[in-house]
PDB file of N, CA and C in Angstrom:
ATOM      1  N   MET A   1     101.932 109.927  45.439  1.00  0.00           N
ATOM      2  CA  MET A   1     103.432 109.797  45.751  1.00  0.00           C
ATOM      3  C   MET A   1     103.780 110.956  46.504  1.00  0.00           C
ATOM      4  N   ARG A   2     103.347 112.193  45.811  1.00  0.00           N
ATOM      5  CA  ARG A   2     103.712 113.254  46.577  1.00  0.00           C
ATOM      6  C   ARG A   2     103.278 113.344  48.203  1.00  0.00           C
ATOM      7  N   THR A   3     101.980 112.786  48.411  1.00  0.00           N
ATOM      8  CA  THR A   3     101.717 112.923  49.935  1.00  0.00           C
ATOM      9  C   THR A   3     102.560 111.938  50.584  1.00  0.00           C
ATOM     10  N   PHE A   4     102.956 110.768  50.241  1.00  0.00           N
ATOM     11  CA  PHE A   4     103.946 109.903  50.511  1.00  0.00           C
ATOM     12  C   PHE A   4     105.468 110.440  51.022  1.00  0.00           C
ATOM     13  N   LEU A   5     105.564 111.210  50.092  1.00  0.00           N
ATOM     14  CA  LEU A   5     107.011 111.877  50.263  1.00  0.00           C
ATOM     15  C   LEU A   5     106.997 113.031  51.065  1.00  0.00           C
ATOM     16  N   LEU A   6     105.743 113.788  51.279  1.00  0.00           N
ATOM     17  CA  LEU A   6     105.694 114.749  52.347  1.00  0.00           C
ATOM     18  C   LEU A   6     105.606 114.232  53.622  1.00  0.00           C
ATOM     19  N   ALA A   7     104.796 112.988  53.771  1.00  0.00           N
ATOM     20  CA  ALA A   7     104.958 112.222  54.948  1.00  0.00           C
ATOM     21  C   ALA A   7     106.205 111.851  55.294  1.00  0.00           C
ATOM     22  N   LEU A   8     107.229 111.305  54.678  1.00  0.00           N
ATOM     23  CA  LEU A   8     108.424 111.040  54.957  1.00  0.00           C
ATOM     24  C   LEU A   8     109.245 112.198  55.694  1.00  0.00           C
ATOM     25  N   VAL A   9     109.052 113.419  54.850  1.00  0.00           N
ATOM     26  CA  VAL A   9     109.733 114.682  55.328  1.00  0.00           C
ATOM     27  C   VAL A   9     109.261 115.049  56.709  1.00  0.00           C
ATOM     28  N   VAL A  10     108.028 115.052  56.861  1.00  0.00           N
ATOM     29  CA  VAL A  10     107.345 115.524  58.074  1.00  0.00           C
ATOM     30  C   VAL A  10     107.797 114.521  59.532  1.00  0.00           C
ATOM     31  N   ALA A  11     107.606 113.269  59.020  1.00  0.00           N
ATOM     32  CA  ALA A  11     108.230 112.356  60.124  1.00  0.00           C
ATOM     33  C   ALA A  11     109.679 112.664  60.541  1.00  0.00           C
ATOM     34  N   ALA A  12     110.478 112.828  59.380  1.00  0.00           N
ATOM     35  CA  ALA A  12     111.820 112.926  59.851  1.00  0.00           C
ATOM     36  C   ALA A  12     112.306 114.346  60.688  1.00  0.00           C
ATOM     37  N   VAL A  13     111.282 115.389  59.911  1.00  0.00           N
ATOM     38  CA  VAL A  13     111.596 116.653  60.974  1.00  0.00           C
ATOM     39  C   VAL A  13     111.008 116.688  62.223  1.00  0.00           C
ATOM     40  N   MET A  14     109.907 115.578  62.429  1.00  0.00           N
ATOM     41  CA  MET A  14     109.643 115.417  63.638  1.00  0.00           C
ATOM     42  C   MET A  14     110.283 114.670  64.761  1.00  0.00           C
ATOM     43  N   ALA A  15     111.084 113.805  64.033  1.00  0.00           N
ATOM     44  CA  ALA A  15     112.056 112.869  64.574  1.00  0.00           C
ATOM     45  C   ALA A  15     113.140 113.584  65.096  1.00  0.00           C
ATOM     46  N   GLY A  16     113.521 114.573  64.319  1.00  0.00           N
ATOM     47  CA  GLY A  16     114.782 115.512  64.533  1.00  0.00           C
ATOM     48  C   GLY A  16     114.484 116.388  65.619  1.00  0.00           C
ATOM     49  N   ILE A  17     113.242 117.094  65.640  1.00  0.00           N
ATOM     50  CA  ILE A  17     112.708 118.003  66.661  1.00  0.00           C
ATOM     51  C   ILE A  17     112.613 117.101  68.081  1.00  0.00           C
ATOM     52  N   GLY A  18     112.221 116.077  68.263  1.00  0.00           N
ATOM     53  CA  GLY A  18     112.072 115.199  69.071  1.00  0.00           C
ATOM     54  C   GLY A  18     113.291 114.643  69.904  1.00  0.00           C
ATOM     55  N   ALA A  19     114.263 114.439  68.964  1.00  0.00           N
ATOM     56  CA  ALA A  19     115.706 113.852  69.371  1.00  0.00           C
ATOM     57  C   ALA A  19     116.438 115.038  70.265  1.00  0.00           C
ATOM     58  N   THR A  20     115.988 116.323  69.458  1.00  0.00           N
ATOM     59  CA  THR A  20     116.670 117.590  70.034  1.00  0.00           C
ATOM     60  C   THR A  20     116.377 117.836  71.371  1.00  0.00           C
ATOM     61  N   VAL A  21     114.973 117.735  71.441  1.00  0.00           N
ATOM     62  CA  VAL A  21     114.258 118.301  72.771  1.00  0.00           C
ATOM     63  C   VAL A  21     114.481 117.400  73.793  1.00  0.00           C
ATOM     64  N   LEU A  22     114.553 116.072  73.915  1.00  0.00           N
ATOM     65  CA  LEU A  22     115.068 114.974  74.585  1.00  0.00           C
ATOM     66  C   LEU A  22     116.509 115.084  75.006  1.00  0.00           C
ATOM     67  N   ASP A  23     117.343 115.378  74.033  1.00  0.00           N
ATOM     68  CA  ASP A  23     118.885 115.504  74.436  1.00  0.00           C
ATOM     69  C   ASP A  23     118.959 116.632  75.276  1.00  0.00           C
ATOM     70  N   SER A  24     118.403 117.705  74.922  1.00  0.00           N
ATOM     71  CA  SER A  24     118.755 118.918  75.521  1.00  0.00           C
ATOM     72  C   SER A  24     118.003 119.241  76.987  1.00  0.00           C
ATOM     73  N   THR A  25     117.110 118.481  77.245  1.00  0.00           N
ATOM     74  CA  THR A  25     116.214 118.769  78.365  1.00  0.00           C
ATOM     75  C   THR A  25     115.820 117.436  79.466  1.00  0.00           C
ATOM     76  N   TYR A  26     115.601 116.486  78.685  1.00  0.00           N
ATOM     77  CA  TYR A  26     114.887 115.575  79.578  1.00  0.00           C
ATOM     78  C   TYR A  26     115.981 114.148  79.961  1.00  0.00           C
ATOM     79  N   GLN A  27     116.729 113.982  79.197  1.00  0.00           N
ATOM     80  CA  GLN A  27     117.648 112.849  79.181  1.00  0.00           C
ATOM     81  C   GLN A  27     118.982 113.144  79.806  1.00  0.00           C
ATOM     82  N   LYS A  28     119.528 112.235  80.751  1.00  0.00           N
ATOM     83  CA  LYS A  28     120.909 112.420  81.452  1.00  0.00           C
ATOM     84  C   LYS A  28     121.744 111.308  81.035  1.00  0.00           C
ATOM     85  N   GLN A  29     122.775 111.427  81.306  1.00  0.00           N
ATOM     86  CA  GLN A  29     123.817 110.042  81.060  1.00  0.00           C
ATOM     87  C   GLN A  29     123.589 109.216  82.321  1.00  0.00           C
ATOM     88  N   ALA A  30     123.946 108.204  82.345  1.00  0.00           N
ATOM     89  CA  ALA A  30     123.877 107.059  83.156  1.00  0.00           C
ATOM     90  C   ALA A  30     124.682 107.500  84.398  1.00  0.00           C
ATOM     91  N   TYR A  31     125.932 107.843  84.456  1.00  0.00           N
ATOM     92  CA  TYR A  31     126.464 108.193  85.396  1.00  0.00           C
ATOM     93  C   TYR A  31     126.011 109.353  86.248  1.00  0.00           C
ATOM     94  N   GLN A  32     125.227 110.039  85.549  1.00  0.00           N
ATOM     95  CA  GLN A  32     124.365 111.370  86.051  1.00  0.00           C
ATOM     96  C   GLN A  32     122.998 110.989  87.032  1.00  0.00           C
ATOM     97  N   ALA A  33     122.713 109.996  86.260  1.00  0.00           N
ATOM     98  CA  ALA A  33     121.243 109.591  86.709  1.00  0.00           C
ATOM     99  C   ALA A  33     121.180 108.858  87.783  1.00  0.00           C
ATOM    100  N   PHE A  34     122.303 107.862  88.116  1.00  0.00           N
ATOM    101  CA  PHE A  34     122.349 106.958  88.854  1.00  0.00           C
ATOM    102  C   PHE A  34     123.326 107.290  89.857  1.00  0.00           C
ATOM    103  N   ALA A  35     123.632 108.510  89.758  1.00  0.00           N
ATOM    104  CA  ALA A  35     124.656 108.828  91.057  1.00  0.00           C
ATOM    105  C   ALA A  35     124.318 108.798  92.434  1.00  0.00           C
ATOM    106  N   THR A  36     124.677 107.935  93.404  1.00  0.00           N
ATOM    107  CA  THR A  36     124.018 108.006  94.727  1.00  0.00           C
ATOM    108  C   THR A  36     125.598 108.257  95.534  1.00  0.00           C
ATOM    109  N   GLY A  37     125.218 108.578  96.781  1.00  0.00           N
ATOM    110  CA  GLY A  37     126.339 108.588  97.776  1.00  0.00           C
ATOM    111  C   GLY A  37     126.137 107.441  98.716  1.00  0.00           C
ATOM    112  N   GLY A  38     125.061 106.399  98.384  1.00  0.00           N
ATOM    113  CA  GLY A  38     124.863 105.462  99.313  1.00  0.00           C
ATOM    114  C   GLY A  38     125.726 104.059  99.400  1.00  0.00           C
ATOM    115  N   ALA A  39     126.470 103.887  98.190  1.00  0.00           N
ATOM    116  CA  ALA A  39     127.270 102.792  98.068  1.00  0.00           C
ATOM    117  C   ALA A  39     128.430 102.830  98.526  1.00  0.00           C
ATOM    118  N   ARG A  40     128.709 102.011  99.411  1.00  0.00           N
ATOM    119  CA  ARG A  40     130.372 101.873 100.186  1.00  0.00           C
ATOM    120  C   ARG A  40     130.901 100.634  99.634  1.00  0.00           C
ATOM    121  N   VAL A  41     131.763 100.742  98.770  1.00  0.00           N
ATOM    122  CA  VAL A  41     132.646  99.562  98.246  1.00  0.00           C
ATOM    123  C   VAL A  41     133.727  99.516  98.742  1.00  0.00           C
ATOM    124  N   GLY A  42     134.457 100.560  99.129  1.00  0.00           N
ATOM    125  CA  GLY A  42     136.082 100.483  99.668  1.00  0.00           C
ATOM    126  C   GLY A  42     136.148  99.608 101.001  1.00  0.00           C
ATOM    127  N   ASP A  43     135.156  99.234 101.661  1.00  0.00           N
ATOM    128  CA  ASP A  43     135.510  98.559 102.892  1.00  0.00           C
ATOM    129  C   ASP A  43     135.705  97.042 103.005  1.00  0.00           C
ATOM    130  N   ALA A  44     136.942  96.405 102.579  1.00  0.00           N
ATOM    131  CA  ALA A  44     137.156  95.046 102.322  1.00  0.00           C
ATOM    132  C   ALA A  44     137.035  94.254 103.630  1.00  0.00           C
ATOM    133  N   GLY A  45     137.372  94.983 104.754  1.00  0.00           N
ATOM    134  CA  GLY A  45     137.022  94.159 105.981  1.00  0.00           C
ATOM    135  C   GLY A  45     135.656  93.434 106.179  1.00  0.00           C
ATOM    136  N   ASN A  46     134.734  93.847 105.720  1.00  0.00           N
ATOM    137  CA  ASN A  46     133.353  93.440 106.186  1.00  0.00           C
ATOM    138  C   ASN A  46     132.648  92.833 104.711  1.00  0.00           C
ATOM    139  N   ASN A  47     133.192  91.723 104.108  1.00  0.00           N
ATOM    140  CA  ASN A  47     132.623  91.100 103.010  1.00  0.00           C
ATOM    141  C   ASN A  47     131.770  90.156 103.255  1.00  0.00           C
ATOM    142  N   LEU A  48     130.874  89.679 102.403  1.00  0.00           N
ATOM    143  CA  LEU A  48     129.982  88.734 102.370  1.00  0.00           C
ATOM    144  C   LEU A  48     130.399  87.493 102.920  1.00  0.00           C
ATOM    145  N   VAL A  49     131.541  87.106 102.741  1.00  0.00           N
ATOM    146  CA  VAL A  49     132.171  85.622 103.167  1.00  0.00           C
ATOM    147  C   VAL A  49     132.237  85.481 104.585  1.00  0.00           C
ATOM    148  N   GLY A  50     132.830  86.298 105.114  1.00  0.00           N
ATOM    149  CA  GLY A  50     133.112  86.201 106.739  1.00  0.00           C
ATOM    150  C   GLY A  50     134.389  85.669 106.883  1.00  0.00           C
ATOM    151  N   LYS A  51     134.892  85.580 108.392  1.00  0.00           N
ATOM    152  CA  LYS A  51     136.079  85.200 108.858  1.00  0.00           C
ATOM    153  C   LYS A  51     136.049  83.496 109.074  1.00  0.00           C
ATOM    154  N   ASP A  52     134.849  82.928 108.855  1.00  0.00           N
ATOM    155  CA  ASP A  52     134.823  81.364 109.192  1.00  0.00           C
ATOM    156  C   ASP A  52     134.807  80.724 107.815  1.00  0.00           C
ATOM    157  N   TRP A  53     135.118  81.455 106.722  1.00  0.00           N
ATOM    158  CA  TRP A  53     135.199  80.832 105.280  1.00  0.00           C
ATOM    159  C   TRP A  53     136.250  80.011 105.404  1.00  0.00           C
ATOM    160  N   PRO A  54     136.515  78.938 104.553  1.00  0.00           N
ATOM    161  CA  PRO A  54     137.658  78.188 104.707  1.00  0.00           C
ATOM    162  C   PRO A  54     138.882  78.716 103.876  1.00  0.00           C
ATOM    163  N   SER A  55     138.564  79.471 102.890  1.00  0.00           N
ATOM    164  CA  SER A  55     139.579  79.995 102.212  1.00  0.00           C
ATOM    165  C   SER A  55     140.080  81.461 102.703  1.00  0.00           C
ATOM    166  N   ALA A  56     139.385  81.830 103.616  1.00  0.00           N
ATOM    167  CA  ALA A  56     139.905  83.189 104.411  1.00  0.00           C
ATOM    168  C   ALA A  56     140.844  82.908 105.469  1.00  0.00           C
ATOM    169  N   GLN A  57     140.938  81.564 106.018  1.00  0.00           N
ATOM    170  CA  GLN A  57     142.032  81.283 106.964  1.00  0.00           C
ATOM    171  C   GLN A  57     143.214  81.033 106.632  1.00  0.00           C
ATOM    172  N   HIS A  58     143.623  81.071 105.326  1.00  0.00           N
ATOM    173  CA  HIS A  58     144.830  80.921 104.694  1.00  0.00           C
ATOM    174  C   HIS A  58     145.882  82.154 105.082  1.00  0.00           C
TER     175      HIS A  58
END
């Protein structure tokens, strides 16, 4: 029983150290990891539908 409790404590300590290392050095927030300058969303004049679409002629 003593060995099992020691194993639980060691596993918890290792998980805490791993989480701290990952949070501080390797992981980024999603808005930082996937931030690119290539997405142009603001140009509404060139949409996928086109000028010949029936609802665009109203």
